Amino acid sequence: MKCGQEVRVVERRVLLETLASQLPRDSTQYSSQLQSVEASPNGDTLLELVNGSKLLAKRVARWLCSCFPTKVYWFICFNSPSPGPKITDSLVLKKQATELVKNWPSELLNIVDSTPG
């Protein structure tokens, strides 16, 4: 696929494996259900899990979405010459996204078009 912008796709599994490979073995834990999160006085984070175990963490990655094989999560990076006002209206954002990618391949345009506003 050739277009003027850079398009990257990264499988969640590959991303997690790559990040975890840079950490000590057994220092990561996935799909844990949190009961509570508290900041400790020394700046670490105390995590209490639903199963009652407690962990002291220096860093906590919070995934804001669940990923499914039948869904596509997409975003567009655009470096504007001036920041302008923050836009939160999803319909306006979708319209801007569509304008930014109007010359992209039709498969990508279809994904943007089929996204609910």
Protein backbone atom coordinates (compact mmCIF):
# COMPACT_ATOMS: atom_id res chain seq x y z
CA MET A 1 0.00 0.00 0.00
CA LYS A 2 1.51 3.33 -0.99
CA CYS A 3 0.22 6.61 0.35
CA GLY A 4 1.68 9.97 1.38
CA GLN A 5 1.26 9.26 5.08
CA GLU A 6 2.82 6.56 7.18
CA VAL A 7 0.51 3.71 8.17
CA ARG A 8 1.54 1.24 10.87
CA VAL A 9 -0.26 -1.79 12.20
CA VAL A 10 0.93 -3.53 15.34
CA GLU A 11 -0.72 -6.61 16.76
CA ARG A 12 -1.47 -6.19 20.46
CA ARG A 13 0.26 -9.51 21.23
CA VAL A 14 3.45 -8.43 19.45
CA LEU A 15 3.42 -5.07 21.22
CA LEU A 16 2.99 -6.70 24.65
CA GLU A 17 5.66 -9.32 23.97
CA THR A 18 8.10 -6.65 22.79
CA LEU A 19 7.51 -4.48 25.85
CA ALA A 20 7.70 -7.46 28.23
CA SER A 21 10.97 -8.67 26.66
CA GLN A 22 12.66 -5.55 28.04
CA LEU A 23 11.60 -6.34 31.62
CA PRO A 24 12.84 -8.93 34.10
CA ARG A 25 11.18 -12.35 33.70
CA ASP A 26 7.99 -12.75 35.78
CA SER A 27 7.71 -8.98 36.34
CA THR A 28 4.59 -8.57 34.18
CA GLN A 29 1.08 -9.75 34.87
CA TYR A 30 -1.75 -9.69 32.34
CA SER A 31 -5.54 -9.65 32.59
CA SER A 32 -5.54 -9.03 36.33
CA GLN A 33 -8.74 -7.70 37.82
CA LEU A 34 -8.00 -4.72 40.05
CA GLN A 35 -9.82 -4.15 43.30
CA SER A 36 -8.05 -0.88 44.13
CA VAL A 37 -5.12 1.33 43.15
CA GLU A 38 -3.36 3.51 45.70
CA ALA A 39 -0.33 5.77 45.50
CA SER A 40 2.28 4.94 48.13
CA PRO A 41 4.27 7.70 49.90
CA ASN A 42 7.48 6.78 48.01
CA GLY A 43 5.82 7.25 44.61
CA ASP A 44 5.19 3.57 43.82
CA THR A 45 1.69 2.26 43.18
CA LEU A 46 0.02 -0.33 45.40
CA LEU A 47 -2.28 -2.60 43.43
CA GLU A 48 -4.79 -4.82 45.19
CA LEU A 49 -6.26 -7.54 42.99
CA VAL A 50 -9.70 -9.08 43.23
CA ASN A 51 -8.10 -12.36 44.35
CA GLY A 52 -6.67 -10.54 47.41
CA SER A 53 -3.03 -10.39 46.32
CA LYS A 54 -1.18 -7.08 46.54
CA LEU A 55 1.55 -5.81 44.25
CA LEU A 56 3.87 -2.85 44.55
CA ALA A 57 4.54 -1.40 41.11
CA LYS A 58 6.80 1.33 39.82
CA ARG A 59 4.90 1.51 36.53
CA VAL A 60 1.36 0.50 35.66
CA ALA A 61 0.13 0.19 32.06
CA ARG A 62 -3.57 0.85 31.77
CA TRP A 63 -5.20 -0.40 28.59
CA LEU A 64 -8.25 1.67 27.84
CA CYS A 65 -9.86 -0.71 25.41
CA SER A 66 -10.47 -4.40 25.05
CA CYS A 67 -9.29 -5.60 21.67
CA PHE A 68 -11.28 -8.11 19.70
CA PRO A 69 -10.33 -9.87 16.44
CA THR A 70 -13.46 -8.55 14.73
CA LYS A 71 -12.88 -4.88 15.60
CA VAL A 72 -10.41 -2.37 14.24
CA TYR A 73 -9.06 0.39 16.46
CA TRP A 74 -7.61 3.23 14.45
CA PHE A 75 -6.19 6.68 14.95
CA ILE A 76 -4.60 9.35 12.79
CA CYS A 77 -1.61 11.45 13.79
CA PHE A 78 -1.55 14.90 12.27
CA ASN A 79 0.98 17.62 13.07
CA SER A 80 -0.94 20.85 12.73
CA PRO A 81 1.05 24.07 12.31
CA SER A 82 -1.08 25.56 15.12
CA PRO A 83 -2.85 23.63 17.88
CA GLY A 84 -6.23 25.36 17.58
CA PRO A 85 -9.14 24.59 19.92
CA LYS A 86 -9.61 21.13 21.41
CA ILE A 87 -12.39 19.30 19.56
CA THR A 88 -14.43 16.69 21.41
CA ASP A 89 -17.43 16.34 19.08
CA SER A 90 -17.03 12.89 17.51
CA LEU A 91 -18.82 13.89 14.31
CA VAL A 92 -16.48 16.85 13.78
CA LEU A 93 -13.45 14.66 14.51
CA LYS A 94 -14.65 12.02 12.05
CA LYS A 95 -15.17 14.69 9.39
CA GLN A 96 -11.63 16.00 9.96
CA ALA A 97 -10.21 12.47 9.89
CA THR A 98 -12.02 11.74 6.62
CA GLU A 99 -10.59 14.92 5.07
CA LEU A 100 -7.05 14.02 6.20
CA VAL A 101 -7.19 10.54 4.65
CA LYS A 102 -9.21 11.32 1.51
CA ASN A 103 -6.34 10.15 -0.71
CA TRP A 104 -5.72 6.92 1.18
CA PRO A 105 -6.65 3.52 -0.28
CA SER A 106 -10.36 2.77 -0.37
CA GLU A 107 -10.01 -0.08 2.17
CA LEU A 108 -8.85 2.40 4.81
CA LEU A 109 -11.45 4.98 3.82
CA ASN A 110 -14.16 2.34 4.25
CA ILE A 111 -12.98 1.69 7.80
CA VAL A 112 -13.17 5.38 8.67
CA ASP A 113 -16.57 5.73 6.95
CA SER A 114 -18.04 2.73 8.78
CA THR A 115 -16.99 4.03 12.19
CA PRO A 116 -19.95 5.31 14.22
CA GLY A 117 -19.83 9.07 14.78
